[in-house]
C-alpha atoms as a PDB file:
ATOM      1  CA  MET A   1       0.000   0.000   0.000  1.00  0.00           C
ATOM      2  CA  LEU A   2       1.222   3.506  -0.890  1.00  0.00           C
ATOM      3  CA  ASP A   3       1.179   6.232   1.740  1.00  0.00           C
ATOM      4  CA  ALA A   4      -0.058   9.817   1.168  1.00  0.00           C
ATOM      5  CA  ASP A   5       3.363  11.170   0.092  1.00  0.00           C
ATOM      6  CA  GLN A   6       3.830   8.418  -2.485  1.00  0.00           C
ATOM      7  CA  ILE A   7       0.336   8.974  -3.918  1.00  0.00           C
ATOM      8  CA  ALA A   8       0.982  12.726  -4.122  1.00  0.00           C
ATOM      9  CA  ALA A   9       4.287  12.131  -5.938  1.00  0.00           C
ATOM     10  CA  THR A  10       2.573   9.835  -8.454  1.00  0.00           C
ATOM     11  CA  VAL A  11      -0.200  12.361  -9.073  1.00  0.00           C
ATOM     12  CA  HIS A  12       2.435  15.060  -9.540  1.00  0.00           C
ATOM     13  CA  LEU A  13       4.206  12.983 -12.181  1.00  0.00           C
ATOM     14  CA  LEU A  14       0.967  12.289 -14.035  1.00  0.00           C
ATOM     15  CA  LEU A  15       0.120  15.982 -14.016  1.00  0.00           C
ATOM     16  CA  GLY A  16       3.592  16.760 -15.369  1.00  0.00           C
ATOM     17  CA  ILE A  17       3.171  14.311 -18.209  1.00  0.00           C
ATOM     18  CA  SER A  18      -0.286  15.736 -18.961  1.00  0.00           C
ATOM     19  CA  LEU A  19       1.149  19.264 -19.018  1.00  0.00           C
ATOM     20  CA  VAL A  20       3.878  18.256 -21.457  1.00  0.00           C
ATOM     21  CA  LEU A  21       1.370  16.619 -23.793  1.00  0.00           C
ATOM     22  CA  PHE A  22      -0.945  19.607 -23.525  1.00  0.00           C
ATOM     23  CA  VAL A  23       1.802  22.117 -24.378  1.00  0.00           C
ATOM     24  CA  ALA A  24       3.006  20.010 -27.295  1.00  0.00           C
ATOM     25  CA  LEU A  25      -0.513  19.663 -28.684  1.00  0.00           C
ATOM     26  CA  PHE A  26      -1.129  23.353 -28.131  1.00  0.00           C
ATOM     27  CA  ILE A  27       1.957  24.381 -30.098  1.00  0.00           C
ATOM     28  CA  ARG A  28       1.162  21.919 -32.877  1.00  0.00           C
ATOM     29  CA  GLU A  29      -2.456  23.076 -33.087  1.00  0.00           C
ATOM     30  CA  ARG A  30      -1.409  26.704 -32.922  1.00  0.00           C
ATOM     31  CA  GLY A  31       1.110  26.170 -35.721  1.00  0.00           C
ATOM     32  CA  ASN A  32      -1.463  24.427 -37.886  1.00  0.00           C
ATOM     33  CA  LYS A  33      -3.984  27.216 -37.426  1.00  0.00           C
ATOM     34  CA  LEU A  34      -1.431  29.920 -38.177  1.00  0.00           C
ATOM     35  CA  THR A  35      -0.204  28.013 -41.228  1.00  0.00           C
ATOM     36  CA  ILE A  36      -3.727  27.770 -42.609  1.00  0.00           C
ATOM     37  CA  LYS A  37      -4.392  31.471 -42.046  1.00  0.00           C
ATOM     38  CA  ALA A  38      -1.065  32.641 -43.460  1.00  0.00           C
ATOM     39  CA  THR A  39      -1.436  33.777 -47.083  1.00  0.00           C
ATOM     40  CA  SER A  40       1.439  36.166 -47.629  1.00  0.00           C
ATOM     41  CA  ALA A  41       5.189  35.989 -47.175  1.00  0.00           C
ATOM     42  CA  ALA A  42       4.984  38.544 -44.341  1.00  0.00           C
ATOM     43  CA  GLU A  43       2.403  36.477 -42.497  1.00  0.00           C
ATOM     44  CA  ARG A  44       4.436  33.319 -42.977  1.00  0.00           C
ATOM     45  CA  LYS A  45       7.472  35.131 -41.620  1.00  0.00           C
ATOM     46  CA  LEU A  46       5.452  36.316 -38.642  1.00  0.00           C
ATOM     47  CA  LEU A  47       4.154  32.765 -38.172  1.00  0.00           C
ATOM     48  CA  ALA A  48       7.637  31.325 -38.219  1.00  0.00           C
ATOM     49  CA  SER A  49       8.749  33.947 -35.706  1.00  0.00           C
ATOM     50  CA  GLU A  50       5.821  33.164 -33.371  1.00  0.00           C
ATOM     51  CA  ILE A  51       6.384  29.422 -33.603  1.00  0.00           C
ATOM     52  CA  GLU A  52      10.087  29.918 -32.904  1.00  0.00           C
ATOM     53  CA  GLY A  53       9.215  32.019 -29.867  1.00  0.00           C
ATOM     54  CA  LEU A  54       6.894  29.315 -28.556  1.00  0.00           C
ATOM     55  CA  LYS A  55       9.591  26.697 -29.121  1.00  0.00           C
ATOM     56  CA  LYS A  56      12.103  28.780 -27.167  1.00  0.00           C
ATOM     57  CA  ARG A  57       9.568  29.440 -24.417  1.00  0.00           C
ATOM     58  CA  PHE A  58       8.762  25.744 -23.996  1.00  0.00           C
ATOM     59  CA  SER A  59      12.122  24.350 -25.065  1.00  0.00           C
ATOM     60  CA  GLY A  60      12.564  22.648 -21.693  1.00  0.00           C
ATOM     61  CA  ILE A  61       9.525  20.380 -22.161  1.00  0.00           C
ATOM     62  CA  LEU A  62       9.030  20.056 -25.915  1.00  0.00           C
ATOM     63  CA  ASP A  63      11.319  17.088 -26.223  1.00  0.00           C
ATOM     64  CA  LEU A  64       8.667  14.503 -25.341  1.00  0.00           C
ATOM     65  CA  ASP A  65      10.975  11.514 -25.541  1.00  0.00           C
ATOM     66  CA  LYS A  66      13.544  13.169 -23.341  1.00  0.00           C
ATOM     67  CA  GLU A  67      10.922  14.372 -20.874  1.00  0.00           C
ATOM     68  CA  PHE A  68       9.235  10.978 -20.852  1.00  0.00           C
ATOM     69  CA  GLU A  69      12.519   9.211 -20.126  1.00  0.00           C
ATOM     70  CA  ALA A  70      13.270  11.684 -17.343  1.00  0.00           C
ATOM     71  CA  LEU A  71       9.845  11.156 -15.812  1.00  0.00           C
ATOM     72  CA  LYS A  72      10.160   7.399 -16.261  1.00  0.00           C
ATOM     73  CA  GLU A  73      13.509   7.464 -14.495  1.00  0.00           C
ATOM     74  CA  GLN A  74      12.014   9.520 -11.687  1.00  0.00           C
ATOM     75  CA  ILE A  75       9.098   7.097 -11.347  1.00  0.00           C
ATOM     76  CA  GLY A  76      11.573   4.201 -11.228  1.00  0.00           C
ATOM     77  CA  SER A  77      13.466   6.023  -8.474  1.00  0.00           C
ATOM     78  CA  TYR A  78      10.253   6.460  -6.503  1.00  0.00           C
ATOM     79  CA  ILE A  79       9.356   2.790  -6.946  1.00  0.00           C
ATOM     80  CA  ASN A  80      12.828   1.773  -5.784  1.00  0.00           C
ATOM     81  CA  ASP A  81      12.474   4.018  -2.721  1.00  0.00           C
ATOM     82  CA  ILE A  82       9.100   2.449  -1.979  1.00  0.00           C
ATOM     83  CA  GLU A  83      10.548  -1.069  -2.180  1.00  0.00           C
ATOM     84  CA  GLN A  84      13.424  -0.104   0.089  1.00  0.00           C
ATOM     85  CA  LEU A  85      10.967   1.477   2.510  1.00  0.00           C
ATOM     86  CA  ARG A  86       8.872  -1.705   2.547  1.00  0.00           C
ATOM     87  CA  ALA A  87      11.936  -3.865   3.184  1.00  0.00           C
ATOM     88  CA  SER A  88      13.118  -1.520   5.929  1.00  0.00           C
ATOM     89  CA  TYR A  89       9.662  -1.509   7.513  1.00  0.00           C
ATOM     90  CA  LYS A  90       9.498  -5.308   7.484  1.00  0.00           C
ATOM     91  CA  GLU A  91      12.915  -5.577   9.126  1.00  0.00           C
ATOM     92  CA  LYS A  92      12.132  -2.948  11.754  1.00  0.00           C
ATOM     93  CA  LYS A  93       8.735  -4.527  12.452  1.00  0.00           C
ATOM     94  CA  ILE A  94      10.482  -7.787  13.353  1.00  0.00           C
ATOM     95  CA  ILE A  95      12.832  -5.894  15.690  1.00  0.00           C
ATOM     96  CA  TYR A  96       9.906  -3.986  17.194  1.00  0.00           C
ATOM     97  CA  ASP A  97       7.943  -7.169  17.895  1.00  0.00           C
ATOM     98  CA  ARG A  98      10.959  -8.750  19.572  1.00  0.00           C
ATOM     99  CA  LEU A  99      11.638  -5.657  21.695  1.00  0.00           C
ATOM    100  CA  ALA A 100       7.974  -5.357  22.634  1.00  0.00           C
ATOM    101  CA  LYS A 101       8.040  -8.933  23.894  1.00  0.00           C
ATOM    102  CA  GLU A 102      11.201  -8.266  25.905  1.00  0.00           C
ATOM    103  CA  VAL A 103       9.892  -5.013  27.340  1.00  0.00           C
ATOM    104  CA  ALA A 104       6.803  -6.895  28.500  1.00  0.00           C
ATOM    105  CA  LEU A 105       9.058  -8.781  30.915  1.00  0.00           C
ATOM    106  CA  PHE A 106       9.718  -5.523  32.767  1.00  0.00           C
ATOM    107  CA  ASP A 107       6.179  -4.213  32.675  1.00  0.00           C
ATOM    108  CA  GLU A 108       4.402  -4.749  35.983  1.00  0.00           C
ATOM    109  CA  ASN A 109       1.049  -4.504  34.251  1.00  0.00           C
ATOM    110  CA  LEU A 110       1.884  -7.619  32.218  1.00  0.00           C
ATOM    111  CA  ALA A 111       3.415  -9.581  35.065  1.00  0.00           C
ATOM    112  CA  PHE A 112       0.325 -11.743  35.501  1.00  0.00           C
ATOM    113  CA  ALA A 113       0.300 -12.614  31.793  1.00  0.00           C
ATOM    114  CA  GLU A 114       3.888 -13.829  32.000  1.00  0.00           C
ATOM    115  CA  MET A 115       4.022 -15.397  35.437  1.00  0.00           C
ATOM    116  CA  GLY A 116       2.339 -18.750  34.769  1.00  0.00           C
ATOM    117  CA  VAL A 117       2.274 -21.158  37.732  1.00  0.00           C
ATOM    118  CA  TYR A 118       5.493 -21.425  39.724  1.00  0.00           C
ATOM    119  CA  GLN A 119       6.534 -24.912  40.767  1.00  0.00           C
ATOM    120  CA  PRO A 120       8.857 -24.997  43.826  1.00  0.00           C
ATOM    121  CA  HIS A 121      12.311 -26.387  43.091  1.00  0.00           C
ATOM    122  CA  PHE A 122      13.326 -27.070  46.721  1.00  0.00           C
ATOM    123  CA  ASP A 123      11.754 -28.496  49.868  1.00  0.00           C
ATOM    124  CA  PHE A 124      13.765 -27.208  52.821  1.00  0.00           C
ATOM    125  CA  ASN A 125      12.272 -27.201  56.319  1.00  0.00           C
ATOM    126  CA  ASP A 126      12.970 -23.605  57.300  1.00  0.00           C
ATOM    127  CA  SER A 127      14.316 -20.315  55.972  1.00  0.00           C
ATOM    128  CA  GLU A 128      17.769 -20.921  57.461  1.00  0.00           C
ATOM    129  CA  GLU A 129      18.304 -23.883  55.128  1.00  0.00           C
ATOM    130  CA  TYR A 130      17.342 -21.721  52.151  1.00  0.00           C
ATOM    131  CA  LYS A 131      19.736 -19.026  53.347  1.00  0.00           C
ATOM    132  CA  LYS A 132      22.607 -21.510  53.645  1.00  0.00           C
ATOM    133  CA  ASN A 133      21.978 -22.864  50.127  1.00  0.00           C
ATOM    134  CA  ILE A 134      21.849 -19.341  48.669  1.00  0.00           C
ATOM    135  CA  GLU A 135      25.257 -18.715  50.197  1.00  0.00           C
ATOM    136  CA  LEU A 136      26.554 -22.008  48.768  1.00  0.00           C
ATOM    137  CA  ALA A 137      25.311 -21.084  45.272  1.00  0.00           C
ATOM    138  CA  ARG A 138      27.017 -17.686  45.473  1.00  0.00           C
ATOM    139  CA  ASN A 139      30.259 -19.241  46.688  1.00  0.00           C
ATOM    140  CA  LYS A 140      30.229 -21.657  43.732  1.00  0.00           C
ATOM    141  CA  GLN A 141      29.792 -18.680  41.406  1.00  0.00           C
ATOM    142  CA  LYS A 142      32.811 -16.972  43.008  1.00  0.00           C
ATOM    143  CA  VAL A 143      34.883 -20.126  42.543  1.00  0.00           C
ATOM    144  CA  MET A 144      33.903 -20.320  38.857  1.00  0.00           C
ATOM    145  CA  ILE A 145      34.777 -16.651  38.339  1.00  0.00           C
ATOM    146  CA  GLY A 146      38.113 -17.227  40.066  1.00  0.00           C
ATOM    147  CA  ASN A 147      39.101 -20.196  37.929  1.00  0.00           C
ATOM    148  CA  LYS A 148      37.721 -18.474  34.774  1.00  0.00           C
ATOM    149  CA  SER A 149      35.136 -21.158  34.062  1.00  0.00           C
ATOM    150  CA  ALA A 150      32.133 -18.812  34.445  1.00  0.00           C
ATOM    151  CA  VAL A 151      32.991 -16.991  31.204  1.00  0.00           C
ATOM    152  CA  PHE A 152      35.532 -18.449  28.807  1.00  0.00           C
ATOM    153  CA  CYS A 153      37.125 -17.741  25.437  1.00  0.00           C
ATOM    154  CA  ASN A 154      37.838 -20.499  22.915  1.00  0.00           C
ATOM    155  CA  THR A 155      40.400 -18.499  20.948  1.00  0.00           C
ATOM    156  CA  LYS A 156      43.840 -17.169  21.856  1.00  0.00           C
ATOM    157  CA  TRP A 157      43.745 -13.732  20.277  1.00  0.00           C
ATOM    158  CA  GLU A 158      46.756 -11.761  19.141  1.00  0.00           C
ATOM    159  CA  ILE A 159      46.978  -8.007  18.482  1.00  0.00           C
ATOM    160  CA  ASN A 160      49.543  -7.160  15.823  1.00  0.00           C
ATOM    161  CA  GLY A 161      51.103 -10.552  16.444  1.00  0.00           C
ATOM    162  CA  ASN A 162      51.351  -9.916  20.192  1.00  0.00           C
ATOM    163  CA  ALA A 163      49.688 -12.685  22.237  1.00  0.00           C
ATOM    164  CA  ALA A 164      50.061 -10.771  25.523  1.00  0.00           C
ATOM    165  CA  GLN A 165      48.032  -7.846  24.225  1.00  0.00           C
ATOM    166  CA  GLY A 166      45.456 -10.279  22.877  1.00  0.00           C
ATOM    167  CA  LEU A 167      45.163 -11.881  26.336  1.00  0.00           C
ATOM    168  CA  VAL A 168      44.651  -8.455  27.929  1.00  0.00           C
ATOM    169  CA  MET A 169      41.887  -7.702  25.439  1.00  0.00           C
ATOM    170  CA  THR A 170      40.236 -11.084  26.093  1.00  0.00           C
ATOM    171  CA  ASN A 171      40.343 -10.617  29.873  1.00  0.00           C
ATOM    172  CA  ARG A 172      38.769  -7.180  29.564  1.00  0.00           C
ATOM    173  CA  ASN A 173      35.971  -8.548  27.401  1.00  0.00           C
ATOM    174  CA  ILE A 174      35.395 -11.368  29.898  1.00  0.00           C
ATOM    175  CA  LYS A 175      35.128  -8.834  32.747  1.00  0.00           C
ATOM    176  CA  LEU A 176      32.675  -6.735  30.758  1.00  0.00           C
ATOM    177  CA  THR A 177      30.616  -9.825  29.972  1.00  0.00           C
ATOM    178  CA  LEU A 178      30.553 -10.884  33.618  1.00  0.00           C
ATOM    179  CA  ARG A 179      29.592  -7.407  34.766  1.00  0.00           C
ATOM    180  CA  ALA A 180      26.772  -7.127  32.239  1.00  0.00           C
ATOM    181  CA  PHE A 181      25.352 -10.576  33.006  1.00  0.00           C
ATOM    182  CA  ASN A 182      25.748 -10.286  36.785  1.00  0.00           C
ATOM    183  CA  ASN A 183      24.083  -6.851  36.842  1.00  0.00           C
ATOM    184  CA  GLU A 184      21.143  -8.187  34.860  1.00  0.00           C
ATOM    185  CA  CYS A 185      20.836 -11.193  37.184  1.00  0.00           C
ATOM    186  CA  GLU A 186      21.077  -9.043  40.318  1.00  0.00           C
ATOM    187  CA  ALA A 187      18.345  -6.755  39.010  1.00  0.00           C
ATOM    188  CA  ALA A 188      16.117  -9.733  38.242  1.00  0.00           C
ATOM    189  CA  ILE A 189      16.726 -11.419  41.617  1.00  0.00           C
ATOM    190  CA  SER A 190      16.224  -8.243  43.653  1.00  0.00           C
ATOM    191  CA  ASN A 191      12.967  -7.442  41.812  1.00  0.00           C
ATOM    192  CA  THR A 192      11.521 -10.939  42.152  1.00  0.00           C
ATOM    193  CA  ARG A 193       8.093 -11.070  43.755  1.00  0.00           C
ATOM    194  CA  TRP A 194       5.475 -13.759  44.207  1.00  0.00           C
ATOM    195  CA  ASN A 195       3.761 -12.856  40.909  1.00  0.00           C
ATOM    196  CA  ASN A 196       6.718 -12.432  38.526  1.00  0.00           C
ATOM    197  CA  VAL A 197       9.318 -15.109  39.279  1.00  0.00           C
ATOM    198  CA  ASN A 198       8.734 -16.807  35.915  1.00  0.00           C
ATOM    199  CA  ALA A 199       9.126 -13.481  34.132  1.00  0.00           C
ATOM    200  CA  MET A 200      12.441 -12.889  35.937  1.00  0.00           C
ATOM    201  CA  GLU A 201      13.587 -16.366  34.889  1.00  0.00           C
ATOM    202  CA  LYS A 202      12.921 -15.389  31.266  1.00  0.00           C
ATOM    203  CA  ARG A 203      14.772 -12.136  31.817  1.00  0.00           C
ATOM    204  CA  ILE A 204      17.916 -13.977  32.940  1.00  0.00           C
ATOM    205  CA  SER A 205      17.587 -16.446  30.054  1.00  0.00           C
ATOM    206  CA  ASN A 206      17.249 -13.610  27.533  1.00  0.00           C
ATOM    207  CA  ALA A 207      20.308 -11.861  28.985  1.00  0.00           C
ATOM    208  CA  PHE A 208      22.300 -15.111  28.730  1.00  0.00           C
ATOM    209  CA  ASN A 209      21.331 -15.687  25.087  1.00  0.00           C
ATOM    210  CA  GLN A 210      21.754 -12.076  23.949  1.00  0.00           C
ATOM    211  CA  ILE A 211      25.144 -11.534  25.603  1.00  0.00           C
ATOM    212  CA  ASN A 212      26.465 -14.807  24.187  1.00  0.00           C
ATOM    213  CA  LYS A 213      25.171 -13.836  20.738  1.00  0.00           C
ATOM    214  CA  LEU A 214      26.869 -10.435  20.917  1.00  0.00           C
ATOM    215  CA  ASN A 215      30.134 -12.118  21.914  1.00  0.00           C
ATOM    216  CA  GLU A 216      30.108 -14.697  19.120  1.00  0.00           C
ATOM    217  CA  SER A 217      32.638 -12.706  17.095  1.00  0.00           C
ATOM    218  CA  ASN A 218      34.972 -12.598  20.127  1.00  0.00           C
ATOM    219  CA  HIS A 219      34.464 -16.321  20.840  1.00  0.00           C
ATOM    220  CA  ILE A 220      33.555 -15.437  24.439  1.00  0.00           C
ATOM    221  CA  PHE A 221      30.693 -17.308  26.123  1.00  0.00           C
ATOM    222  CA  ILE A 222      28.951 -17.553  29.490  1.00  0.00           C
ATOM    223  CA  SER A 223      29.054 -21.174  30.619  1.00  0.00           C
ATOM    224  CA  MET A 224      25.832 -23.114  31.060  1.00  0.00           C
ATOM    225  CA  GLU A 225      26.887 -24.161  34.565  1.00  0.00           C
ATOM    226  CA  TYR A 226      27.242 -20.523  35.645  1.00  0.00           C
ATOM    227  CA  PHE A 227      23.886 -19.708  34.055  1.00  0.00           C
ATOM    228  CA  ASN A 228      22.237 -22.575  35.965  1.00  0.00           C
ATOM    229  CA  LEU A 229      23.760 -21.333  39.228  1.00  0.00           C
ATOM    230  CA  LYS A 230      22.187 -17.930  38.605  1.00  0.00           C
ATOM    231  CA  LEU A 231      18.798 -19.559  38.027  1.00  0.00           C
ATOM    232  CA  LYS A 232      19.290 -21.621  41.182  1.00  0.00           C
ATOM    233  CA  GLU A 233      20.028 -18.452  43.138  1.00  0.00           C
ATOM    234  CA  LEU A 234      16.885 -16.873  41.697  1.00  0.00           C
ATOM    235  CA  PHE A 235      14.678 -19.813  42.714  1.00  0.00           C
ATOM    236  CA  LEU A 236      16.313 -20.140  46.137  1.00  0.00           C
ATOM    237  CA  THR A 237      15.892 -16.429  46.832  1.00  0.00           C
ATOM    238  CA  HIS A 238      12.262 -16.486  45.766  1.00  0.00           C
ATOM    239  CA  GLU A 239      11.419 -19.535  47.875  1.00  0.00           C
ATOM    240  CA  TYR A 240      13.480 -18.123  50.780  1.00  0.00           C
ATOM    241  CA  ARG A 241      11.352 -14.963  50.761  1.00  0.00           C
ATOM    242  CA  GLU A 242       8.169 -17.003  50.537  1.00  0.00           C
ATOM    243  CA  LYS A 243       9.376 -19.196  53.429  1.00  0.00           C
ATOM    244  CA  ILE A 244      10.130 -16.137  55.560  1.00  0.00           C
ATOM    245  CA  LYS A 245       6.675 -14.807  54.770  1.00  0.00           C
ATOM    246  CA  TYR A 246       5.119 -18.157  55.715  1.00  0.00           C
ATOM    247  CA  GLU A 247       7.108 -18.339  58.961  1.00  0.00           C
ATOM    248  CA  ARG A 248       6.146 -14.768  59.824  1.00  0.00           C
ATOM    249  CA  GLU A 249       2.472 -15.566  59.251  1.00  0.00           C
ATOM    250  CA  GLU A 250       2.848 -18.784  61.218  1.00  0.00           C
ATOM    251  CA  ARG A 251       4.402 -16.914  64.152  1.00  0.00           C
ATOM    252  CA  ALA A 252       1.626 -14.354  63.966  1.00  0.00           C
ATOM    253  CA  GLU A 253      -0.961 -17.144  64.021  1.00  0.00           C
ATOM    254  CA  VAL A 254       0.744 -18.793  67.013  1.00  0.00           C
ATOM    255  CA  ALA A 255       0.853 -15.452  68.821  1.00  0.00           C
ATOM    256  CA  ARG A 256      -2.820 -14.870  68.037  1.00  0.00           C
ATOM    257  CA  ASN A 257      -3.697 -18.330  69.358  1.00  0.00           C
ATOM    258  CA  GLN A 258      -1.639 -17.673  72.489  1.00  0.00           C
ATOM    259  CA  ARG A 259      -3.462 -14.398  73.039  1.00  0.00           C
ATOM    260  CA  GLU A 260      -6.791 -16.168  72.622  1.00  0.00           C
ATOM    261  CA  GLU A 261      -5.648 -18.901  75.015  1.00  0.00           C
ATOM    262  CA  GLN A 262      -4.498 -16.375  77.620  1.00  0.00           C
ATOM    263  CA  LYS A 263      -7.794 -14.541  77.321  1.00  0.00           C
ATOM    264  CA  LEU A 264      -9.675 -17.814  77.779  1.00  0.00           C
ATOM    265  CA  ILE A 265      -7.577 -18.670  80.851  1.00  0.00           C
ATOM    266  CA  ARG A 266      -8.281 -15.248  82.330  1.00  0.00           C
ATOM    267  CA  ASP A 267     -12.014 -15.702  81.688  1.00  0.00           C
ATOM    268  CA  ILE A 268     -11.940 -19.134  83.353  1.00  0.00           C
ATOM    269  CA  GLU A 269     -10.074 -17.761  86.357  1.00  0.00           C
ATOM    270  CA  LYS A 270     -12.540 -14.893  86.599  1.00  0.00           C
ATOM    271  CA  ALA A 271     -15.465 -17.329  86.412  1.00  0.00           C
ATOM    272  CA  GLU A 272     -13.901 -19.500  89.109  1.00  0.00           C
ATOM    273  CA  GLU A 273     -13.459 -16.442  91.345  1.00  0.00           C
ATOM    274  CA  GLU A 274     -17.093 -15.488  90.802  1.00  0.00           C
ATOM    275  CA  GLU A 275     -18.215 -19.046  91.595  1.00  0.00           C
ATOM    276  CA  ALA A 276     -16.118 -19.081  94.778  1.00  0.00           C
ATOM    277  CA  ARG A 277     -17.643 -15.772  95.857  1.00  0.00           C
ATOM    278  CA  TYR A 278     -21.157 -17.070  95.205  1.00  0.00           C
ATOM    279  CA  GLN A 279     -20.378 -20.257  97.122  1.00  0.00           C
ATOM    280  CA  LYS A 280     -19.251 -18.177 100.103  1.00  0.00           C
ATOM    281  CA  LEU A 281     -22.417 -16.113  99.953  1.00  0.00           C
ATOM    282  CA  LEU A 282     -24.536 -19.272  99.696  1.00  0.00           C
ATOM    283  CA  ALA A 283     -22.785 -20.858 102.674  1.00  0.00           C
ATOM    284  CA  LYS A 284     -23.312 -17.691 104.687  1.00  0.00           C
ATOM    285  CA  ALA A 285     -26.985 -17.597 103.742  1.00  0.00           C
ATOM    286  CA  LYS A 286     -27.433 -21.243 104.724  1.00  0.00           C
ATOM    287  CA  LYS A 287     -25.767 -20.642 108.049  1.00  0.00           C
ATOM    288  CA  GLU A 288     -27.985 -17.648 108.782  1.00  0.00           C
ATOM    289  CA  ALA A 289     -31.043 -19.627 107.732  1.00  0.00           C
ATOM    290  CA  GLU A 290     -30.150 -22.466 110.076  1.00  0.00           C
ATOM    291  CA  SER A 291     -29.691 -20.049 112.980  1.00  0.00           C
ATOM    292  CA  VAL A 292     -33.208 -18.598 112.649  1.00  0.00           C
ATOM    293  CA  ALA A 293     -35.149 -21.511 111.206  1.00  0.00           C
ATOM    294  CA  GLY A 294     -35.956 -23.231 114.603  1.00  0.00           C
ATOM    295  CA  PRO A 295     -37.702 -20.359 116.538  1.00  0.00           C
ATOM    296  CA  LYS A 296     -39.472 -19.029 113.501  1.00  0.00           C
ATOM    297  CA  LEU A 297     -40.769 -22.496 112.616  1.00  0.00           C
ATOM    298  CA  ASP A 298     -42.247 -23.038 116.147  1.00  0.00           C
ATOM    299  CA  PHE A 299     -43.927 -19.638 116.012  1.00  0.00           C
ATOM    300  CA  LEU A 300     -45.509 -20.396 112.657  1.00  0.00           C
ATOM    301  CA  ILE A 301     -46.763 -23.790 113.895  1.00  0.00           C
ATOM    302  CA  ASN A 302     -48.423 -22.215 116.971  1.00  0.00           C
ATOM    303  CA  ILE A 303     -50.067 -19.532 114.875  1.00  0.00           C
ATOM    304  CA  SER A 304     -51.338 -22.204 112.499  1.00  0.00           C
ATOM    305  CA  LYS A 305     -52.862 -24.184 115.406  1.00  0.00           C
ATOM    306  CA  PHE A 306     -54.514 -21.070 116.826  1.00  0.00           C
ATOM    307  CA  TRP A 307     -56.278 -20.171 113.606  1.00  0.00           C
ATOM    308  CA  LYS A 308     -57.292 -23.784 113.092  1.00  0.00           C
ATOM    309  CA  VAL A 309     -59.107 -23.767 116.461  1.00  0.00           C
ATOM    310  CA  ILE A 310     -60.828 -20.474 115.707  1.00  0.00           C
ATOM    311  CA  LEU A 311     -62.075 -21.800 112.362  1.00  0.00           C
ATOM    312  CA  GLN A 312     -63.491 -24.988 113.947  1.00  0.00           C
ATOM    313  CA  ARG A 313     -65.465 -23.009 116.564  1.00  0.00           C
ATOM    314  CA  HIS A 314     -66.792 -20.660 113.941  1.00  0.00           C
ATOM    315  CA  THR A 315     -67.985 -23.576 111.837  1.00  0.00           C
ATOM    316  CA  LYS A 316     -69.894 -25.219 114.730  1.00  0.00           C
ATOM    317  CA  ASN A 317     -71.713 -22.002 115.561  1.00  0.00           C
END
């Protein structure tokens, strides 16, 4: 598909061709009319002069073949530019799609789309075991860096025939490679959260592949063992943080249960104190009742007998 500029250029060329044809036909028609009207030598001379003037005026576009070839060449140039533009667009579109996919790894809004379901790689009992294994993984990385097996070069380079200078150059490139890869891994590990660990794994993998690809011409490569240690550190760190979170929640739950238990104990003790107080009051009441029950009971019996006698006499009368 042609864009607006390309369409405008094509229209411009067509208008130019139309103008050339129009001018040529105009001059030819004008010459024919003047030739027909010319009857005397003076008029023919005037006609020739006018035609010559028109030819001079439009000399730049009267050569139709020349103008056509020029326009054809210009059209070919435009077509070539269009083809180059299409090829460039196709190439840049591929790069754009790849970069868009890589940028998505760093976009928090797309973290859920990239995270998938994380499967634990380790099954340690507590966070201290995770911490010890993280330290072991880092120590192994240091050992590999020290013995130059983390990043290696397959070629002994020479600069101007000097092997020592070539070795210096190789060592510098190895240091740069290590720094670039380690920085990328540190950024990924430090930014790992519960919802993006898989995305950070892809980030480290992409860094490994891209850095190795860039170093192909130097024959310098990050070893697979070192790469796997970085992934192991990533997984250990993620699970270590999750374990700490779990232990923190577990401690909080235990503390909450202890608080509930202490509250229940206090309520029981309070209830027991209340029961003891009521028991004391009850015992006191019983004691007081026993002390007054005998005399009061005799009095009530005598009163009852008295009224019983009164009622019997009243009934007989």
